[in-house]
Amino acid sequence: MAPAVFVINTFWADELLQQVDPFVGQTPVVYLRRQLFEGLKNSVEANSNQNTSLIIQKMTPRLSVRWDYGSQTSDEVASYGARALFRFLQDGRFSILEDFAHAQTYEMLKSSCGSAAGLARHANT
């Protein structure tokens, strides 16, 4: 039985990604990406995240999507992500997995805008 999708947690998995690439073939992939210290460009975690992005770009082209998670969002991503994966397995449309990634991006931007607006309100008072 061939896999329908691979779910790969990329956190500290640079070497593993290169090793599994030939085995994944054209099977779609969901990359789980850890959000760590996004504002710190020189941190070890930020450099690891950049290395992972470069490795993924050099891998075999295939349908793939990135889902970001952090210490405060891992449970939510696991729950909603599992539902999206289940729907994908039932329906076979990869766009279901992409929709979840788009919803994540929207929520992250909405949260960032709300935080920035809150900071601006406090600065003006």
Protein backbone atom coordinates (compact mmCIF):
# COMPACT_ATOMS: atom_id res chain seq x y z
CA MET A 1 0.00 0.00 0.00
CA ALA A 2 1.53 3.33 -1.08
CA PRO A 3 1.37 6.33 1.28
CA ALA A 4 -1.05 9.11 0.37
CA VAL A 5 0.93 11.85 2.11
CA PHE A 6 4.04 12.26 4.22
CA VAL A 7 4.02 14.50 7.27
CA ILE A 8 7.55 15.57 8.19
CA ASN A 9 8.52 17.62 11.22
CA THR A 10 11.51 19.62 9.98
CA PHE A 11 12.70 20.74 13.43
CA TRP A 12 16.44 19.88 13.49
CA ALA A 13 15.88 17.44 10.61
CA ASP A 14 18.21 18.90 7.96
CA GLU A 15 20.18 15.69 7.39
CA LEU A 16 17.06 13.53 7.55
CA LEU A 17 15.32 15.55 4.84
CA GLN A 18 18.11 14.86 2.38
CA GLN A 19 18.05 11.15 3.24
CA VAL A 20 14.29 10.62 2.89
CA ASP A 21 13.87 12.66 -0.30
CA PRO A 22 14.47 9.72 -2.68
CA PHE A 23 12.03 7.51 -0.75
CA VAL A 24 9.23 10.08 -0.78
CA GLY A 25 9.19 10.27 -4.58
CA GLN A 26 6.18 12.19 -5.90
CA THR A 27 4.06 11.62 -2.78
CA PRO A 28 2.72 14.92 -1.37
CA VAL A 29 4.37 16.25 1.79
CA VAL A 30 3.22 18.36 4.72
CA TYR A 31 6.24 20.02 6.33
CA LEU A 32 5.72 20.95 9.95
CA ARG A 33 7.89 24.00 10.64
CA ARG A 34 8.67 25.17 14.16
CA GLN A 35 8.28 28.90 14.71
CA LEU A 36 11.08 29.97 17.00
CA PHE A 37 12.24 33.47 17.69
CA GLU A 38 11.18 34.83 14.32
CA GLY A 39 12.45 38.28 15.21
CA LEU A 40 15.97 37.07 15.98
CA LYS A 41 17.70 36.71 12.62
CA ASN A 42 21.06 35.63 14.09
CA SER A 43 19.77 32.97 16.45
CA VAL A 44 20.68 29.30 16.06
CA GLU A 45 17.01 28.50 15.50
CA ALA A 46 16.64 31.12 12.75
CA ASN A 47 19.74 29.81 10.97
CA SER A 48 18.43 26.25 11.23
CA ASN A 49 15.09 27.38 9.77
CA GLN A 50 16.90 29.04 6.83
CA ASN A 51 18.99 25.90 6.24
CA THR A 52 15.83 23.80 6.23
CA SER A 53 14.20 26.12 3.68
CA LEU A 54 17.22 25.81 1.37
CA ILE A 55 17.23 22.02 1.67
CA ILE A 56 13.50 21.81 0.88
CA GLN A 57 14.03 23.99 -2.21
CA LYS A 58 16.68 21.56 -3.46
CA MET A 59 14.53 18.47 -2.90
CA THR A 60 12.54 16.67 -5.59
CA PRO A 61 9.67 18.90 -6.79
CA ARG A 62 6.36 17.57 -5.46
CA LEU A 63 3.12 18.83 -4.00
CA SER A 64 4.02 20.22 -0.60
CA VAL A 65 2.72 22.59 2.00
CA ARG A 66 4.17 24.11 5.17
CA TRP A 67 2.28 24.22 8.44
CA ASP A 68 3.88 26.33 11.15
CA TYR A 69 3.59 25.52 14.83
CA GLY A 70 4.95 26.88 18.08
CA SER A 71 4.79 26.08 21.74
CA GLN A 72 1.43 27.84 22.06
CA THR A 73 -0.08 26.54 18.82
CA SER A 74 1.12 22.93 18.58
CA ASP A 75 -2.08 21.44 20.02
CA GLU A 76 -4.25 23.51 17.68
CA VAL A 77 -2.14 22.67 14.63
CA ALA A 78 -2.24 18.99 15.56
CA SER A 79 -6.02 19.02 15.99
CA TYR A 80 -6.98 21.07 12.93
CA GLY A 81 -4.17 19.55 10.87
CA ALA A 82 -5.40 16.02 11.64
CA ARG A 83 -8.88 17.02 10.45
CA ALA A 84 -7.44 18.47 7.26
CA LEU A 85 -5.38 15.32 6.68
CA PHE A 86 -8.45 13.14 7.24
CA ARG A 87 -10.46 15.21 4.76
CA PHE A 88 -7.58 14.97 2.27
CA LEU A 89 -7.48 11.19 2.65
CA GLN A 90 -11.24 10.99 2.04
CA ASP A 91 -11.38 13.46 -0.83
CA GLY A 92 -7.90 13.34 -2.39
CA ARG A 93 -7.77 17.09 -3.07
CA PHE A 94 -4.40 18.54 -2.03
CA SER A 95 -6.01 21.98 -1.85
CA ILE A 96 -7.56 20.93 1.48
CA LEU A 97 -4.06 20.85 3.00
CA GLU A 98 -3.17 24.16 1.34
CA ASP A 99 -6.35 25.77 2.70
CA PHE A 100 -5.24 24.94 6.23
CA ALA A 101 -1.85 26.62 5.56
CA HIS A 102 -3.62 29.70 4.19
CA ALA A 103 -5.88 29.85 7.24
CA GLN A 104 -2.79 29.68 9.47
CA THR A 105 -1.15 32.56 7.60
CA TYR A 106 -4.32 34.62 7.85
CA GLU A 107 -4.60 34.02 11.60
CA MET A 108 -0.92 34.84 12.12
CA LEU A 109 -1.25 38.11 10.19
CA LYS A 110 -4.45 38.99 12.03
CA SER A 111 -2.72 38.34 15.34
CA SER A 112 0.34 40.39 14.34
CA CYS A 113 -1.82 43.30 13.21
CA GLY A 114 -3.75 43.18 16.46
CA SER A 115 -0.51 43.20 18.47
CA ALA A 116 0.91 46.07 16.45
CA ALA A 117 -2.32 48.04 16.83
CA GLY A 118 -2.22 47.42 20.57
CA LEU A 119 1.35 48.66 20.78
CA ALA A 120 0.44 51.76 18.77
CA ARG A 121 -2.49 52.51 21.09
CA HIS A 122 -0.24 52.24 24.14
CA ALA A 123 2.46 54.43 22.53
CA ASN A 124 -0.06 57.18 21.78
CA THR A 125 -1.46 57.38 25.32
